């Protein structure tokens, strides 16, 4: 009998204020919750999906070596969100509270813009352009 599971990689974002982060990603990207644990102290671990693209988030826990970009003074990873309408997705994220790092424009064969979310994570939102675009 063969195993039909596939290998996946899903980032785990460390944040300050996990419950607020879940709300932000729902508003900014239309994320849905696939899994969530709320601890008695208010900490959250959640698995989210944006049109089938999954990622996790959890309140930072320095005792487990999980630090948010706010604690580190920045992050080392950018999230790449590839969508059909980058302009609309970008505008929705900004309306939800993201800060613009650079607006959506055509560059290097992509329609692409970059924001930073209220928790310090950078997101590049875009899509590849067709040849001749």
C-alpha atoms as a PDB file:
ATOM      1  CA  UNK A   1       0.000   0.000   0.000  1.00  0.00           C
ATOM      2  CA  UNK A   2       1.509   3.342  -1.021  1.00  0.00           C
ATOM      3  CA  UNK A   3       1.481   6.462   1.085  1.00  0.00           C
ATOM      4  CA  UNK A   4      -0.392   9.289  -0.687  1.00  0.00           C
ATOM      5  CA  UNK A   5       0.901  12.083   1.551  1.00  0.00           C
ATOM      6  CA  UNK A   6       3.129  14.646  -0.070  1.00  0.00           C
ATOM      7  CA  UNK A   7       6.069  16.486   1.377  1.00  0.00           C
ATOM      8  CA  UNK A   8       5.328  20.089   2.306  1.00  0.00           C
ATOM      9  CA  UNK A   9       7.160  22.983   3.907  1.00  0.00           C
ATOM     10  CA  UNK A  10       5.134  25.477   5.891  1.00  0.00           C
ATOM     11  CA  UNK A  11       6.673  28.429   7.705  1.00  0.00           C
ATOM     12  CA  UNK A  12       5.990  29.020  11.407  1.00  0.00           C
ATOM     13  CA  UNK A  13       5.892  32.746  12.125  1.00  0.00           C
ATOM     14  CA  UNK A  14       6.790  33.820  15.661  1.00  0.00           C
ATOM     15  CA  UNK A  15       4.787  36.858  16.732  1.00  0.00           C
ATOM     16  CA  UNK A  16       3.932  38.960  19.729  1.00  0.00           C
ATOM     17  CA  UNK A  17       0.171  38.787  20.172  1.00  0.00           C
ATOM     18  CA  UNK A  18      -0.842  35.602  18.408  1.00  0.00           C
ATOM     19  CA  UNK A  19      -4.587  36.207  18.692  1.00  0.00           C
ATOM     20  CA  UNK A  20      -4.180  39.647  17.088  1.00  0.00           C
ATOM     21  CA  UNK A  21      -1.991  38.087  14.401  1.00  0.00           C
ATOM     22  CA  UNK A  22      -4.663  35.528  13.499  1.00  0.00           C
ATOM     23  CA  UNK A  23      -7.185  38.365  13.162  1.00  0.00           C
ATOM     24  CA  UNK A  24      -4.760  40.396  11.038  1.00  0.00           C
ATOM     25  CA  UNK A  25      -4.027  37.547   8.608  1.00  0.00           C
ATOM     26  CA  UNK A  26      -7.744  36.851   8.253  1.00  0.00           C
ATOM     27  CA  UNK A  27      -8.405  40.510   7.413  1.00  0.00           C
ATOM     28  CA  UNK A  28      -5.269  41.069   5.317  1.00  0.00           C
ATOM     29  CA  UNK A  29      -5.137  37.850   3.297  1.00  0.00           C
ATOM     30  CA  UNK A  30      -8.516  36.168   3.797  1.00  0.00           C
ATOM     31  CA  UNK A  31      -6.815  33.423   5.825  1.00  0.00           C
ATOM     32  CA  UNK A  32      -8.867  30.652   7.381  1.00  0.00           C
ATOM     33  CA  UNK A  33      -8.001  28.772  10.561  1.00  0.00           C
ATOM     34  CA  UNK A  34      -7.220  25.085  10.096  1.00  0.00           C
ATOM     35  CA  UNK A  35      -6.014  24.472  13.658  1.00  0.00           C
ATOM     36  CA  UNK A  36      -5.726  26.587  16.795  1.00  0.00           C
ATOM     37  CA  UNK A  37      -4.727  26.185  20.410  1.00  0.00           C
ATOM     38  CA  UNK A  38      -5.314  28.984  22.905  1.00  0.00           C
ATOM     39  CA  UNK A  39      -3.271  28.618  26.092  1.00  0.00           C
ATOM     40  CA  UNK A  40      -4.513  29.843  29.453  1.00  0.00           C
ATOM     41  CA  UNK A  41      -1.920  32.646  29.401  1.00  0.00           C
ATOM     42  CA  UNK A  42      -3.335  33.940  26.083  1.00  0.00           C
ATOM     43  CA  UNK A  43      -0.621  32.477  23.847  1.00  0.00           C
ATOM     44  CA  UNK A  44      -1.795  31.059  20.525  1.00  0.00           C
ATOM     45  CA  UNK A  45      -0.552  28.429  18.093  1.00  0.00           C
ATOM     46  CA  UNK A  46      -2.501  28.399  14.834  1.00  0.00           C
ATOM     47  CA  UNK A  47      -2.346  26.848  11.395  1.00  0.00           C
ATOM     48  CA  UNK A  48      -3.757  29.156   8.707  1.00  0.00           C
ATOM     49  CA  UNK A  49      -4.500  28.775   5.022  1.00  0.00           C
ATOM     50  CA  UNK A  50      -4.663  31.385   2.274  1.00  0.00           C
ATOM     51  CA  UNK A  51      -6.387  29.710  -0.681  1.00  0.00           C
ATOM     52  CA  UNK A  52      -4.701  26.408   0.221  1.00  0.00           C
ATOM     53  CA  UNK A  53      -1.260  27.871   0.983  1.00  0.00           C
ATOM     54  CA  UNK A  54      -0.637  26.973   4.615  1.00  0.00           C
ATOM     55  CA  UNK A  55       1.473  28.588   7.304  1.00  0.00           C
ATOM     56  CA  UNK A  56       1.625  28.535  11.072  1.00  0.00           C
ATOM     57  CA  UNK A  57       2.013  31.201  13.701  1.00  0.00           C
ATOM     58  CA  UNK A  58       2.714  31.129  17.400  1.00  0.00           C
ATOM     59  CA  UNK A  59       3.407  33.590  20.149  1.00  0.00           C
ATOM     60  CA  UNK A  60       7.126  33.961  20.590  1.00  0.00           C
ATOM     61  CA  UNK A  61       8.668  31.828  23.312  1.00  0.00           C
ATOM     62  CA  UNK A  62      12.292  32.770  23.975  1.00  0.00           C
ATOM     63  CA  UNK A  63      12.622  29.798  26.330  1.00  0.00           C
ATOM     64  CA  UNK A  64      12.165  27.597  23.220  1.00  0.00           C
ATOM     65  CA  UNK A  65      14.381  29.830  21.019  1.00  0.00           C
ATOM     66  CA  UNK A  66      11.358  31.222  19.107  1.00  0.00           C
ATOM     67  CA  UNK A  67      11.762  34.968  18.659  1.00  0.00           C
ATOM     68  CA  UNK A  68       9.596  37.445  16.791  1.00  0.00           C
ATOM     69  CA  UNK A  69      11.085  40.009  14.391  1.00  0.00           C
ATOM     70  CA  UNK A  70      10.184  42.622  17.022  1.00  0.00           C
ATOM     71  CA  UNK A  71      12.544  40.956  19.518  1.00  0.00           C
ATOM     72  CA  UNK A  72      15.302  40.470  16.965  1.00  0.00           C
ATOM     73  CA  UNK A  73      15.049  43.904  15.343  1.00  0.00           C
ATOM     74  CA  UNK A  74      13.951  42.341  12.033  1.00  0.00           C
ATOM     75  CA  UNK A  75      13.459  38.980  10.413  1.00  0.00           C
ATOM     76  CA  UNK A  76      15.589  36.769   8.192  1.00  0.00           C
ATOM     77  CA  UNK A  77      12.809  35.416   5.952  1.00  0.00           C
ATOM     78  CA  UNK A  78      10.439  37.100   3.507  1.00  0.00           C
ATOM     79  CA  UNK A  79       7.098  35.500   2.781  1.00  0.00           C
ATOM     80  CA  UNK A  80       6.240  35.315  -0.931  1.00  0.00           C
ATOM     81  CA  UNK A  81       2.490  35.384  -1.566  1.00  0.00           C
ATOM     82  CA  UNK A  82       1.711  34.615  -5.209  1.00  0.00           C
ATOM     83  CA  UNK A  83      -1.845  35.595  -6.139  1.00  0.00           C
ATOM     84  CA  UNK A  84      -3.858  36.270  -9.287  1.00  0.00           C
ATOM     85  CA  UNK A  85      -4.479  39.946  -8.419  1.00  0.00           C
ATOM     86  CA  UNK A  86      -1.454  41.357  -6.565  1.00  0.00           C
ATOM     87  CA  UNK A  87      -2.819  44.905  -6.555  1.00  0.00           C
ATOM     88  CA  UNK A  88      -6.045  43.910  -4.781  1.00  0.00           C
ATOM     89  CA  UNK A  89      -4.241  41.606  -2.309  1.00  0.00           C
ATOM     90  CA  UNK A  90      -1.684  44.328  -1.553  1.00  0.00           C
ATOM     91  CA  UNK A  91      -4.392  46.968  -1.009  1.00  0.00           C
ATOM     92  CA  UNK A  92      -6.315  44.613   1.302  1.00  0.00           C
ATOM     93  CA  UNK A  93      -3.206  43.983   3.424  1.00  0.00           C
ATOM     94  CA  UNK A  94      -2.478  47.711   3.685  1.00  0.00           C
ATOM     95  CA  UNK A  95      -6.105  48.414   4.653  1.00  0.00           C
ATOM     96  CA  UNK A  96      -5.783  45.767   7.402  1.00  0.00           C
ATOM     97  CA  UNK A  97      -2.737  47.518   8.877  1.00  0.00           C
ATOM     98  CA  UNK A  98       0.342  46.482   6.878  1.00  0.00           C
ATOM     99  CA  UNK A  99       2.964  49.129   6.090  1.00  0.00           C
ATOM    100  CA  UNK A 100       4.122  49.641   2.505  1.00  0.00           C
ATOM    101  CA  UNK A 101       7.819  49.054   1.865  1.00  0.00           C
ATOM    102  CA  UNK A 102       7.431  49.406  -1.889  1.00  0.00           C
ATOM    103  CA  UNK A 103       4.245  49.654  -3.951  1.00  0.00           C
ATOM    104  CA  UNK A 104       3.140  47.102  -6.516  1.00  0.00           C
ATOM    105  CA  UNK A 105       4.922  47.577  -9.843  1.00  0.00           C
ATOM    106  CA  UNK A 106       6.208  45.523 -12.763  1.00  0.00           C
ATOM    107  CA  UNK A 107       9.795  44.478 -12.045  1.00  0.00           C
ATOM    108  CA  UNK A 108      12.072  41.597 -12.977  1.00  0.00           C
ATOM    109  CA  UNK A 109       9.255  39.761 -14.796  1.00  0.00           C
ATOM    110  CA  UNK A 110       6.843  40.042 -11.878  1.00  0.00           C
ATOM    111  CA  UNK A 111       3.993  42.289 -10.786  1.00  0.00           C
ATOM    112  CA  UNK A 112       5.193  42.724  -7.205  1.00  0.00           C
ATOM    113  CA  UNK A 113       4.997  44.853  -4.065  1.00  0.00           C
ATOM    114  CA  UNK A 114       6.318  44.473  -0.523  1.00  0.00           C
ATOM    115  CA  UNK A 115       4.707  45.151   2.846  1.00  0.00           C
ATOM    116  CA  UNK A 116       5.621  44.564   6.464  1.00  0.00           C
ATOM    117  CA  UNK A 117       2.855  43.274   8.710  1.00  0.00           C
ATOM    118  CA  UNK A 118       2.195  44.671  12.204  1.00  0.00           C
ATOM    119  CA  UNK A 119       4.291  41.819  13.674  1.00  0.00           C
ATOM    120  CA  UNK A 120       7.446  42.571  11.687  1.00  0.00           C
ATOM    121  CA  UNK A 121       7.166  39.928   8.943  1.00  0.00           C
ATOM    122  CA  UNK A 122       7.864  41.019   5.367  1.00  0.00           C
ATOM    123  CA  UNK A 123       5.549  39.853   2.582  1.00  0.00           C
ATOM    124  CA  UNK A 124       6.172  40.178  -1.138  1.00  0.00           C
ATOM    125  CA  UNK A 125       2.825  39.992  -2.909  1.00  0.00           C
ATOM    126  CA  UNK A 126       2.832  39.376  -6.621  1.00  0.00           C
ATOM    127  CA  UNK A 127       2.624  37.140  -9.648  1.00  0.00           C
ATOM    128  CA  UNK A 128       4.871  36.374 -12.600  1.00  0.00           C
ATOM    129  CA  UNK A 129       4.110  38.370 -15.738  1.00  0.00           C
ATOM    130  CA  UNK A 130       3.485  36.733 -19.070  1.00  0.00           C
ATOM    131  CA  UNK A 131       6.113  37.145 -21.742  1.00  0.00           C
ATOM    132  CA  UNK A 132       5.783  40.574 -23.362  1.00  0.00           C
ATOM    133  CA  UNK A 133       3.959  42.100 -20.367  1.00  0.00           C
END
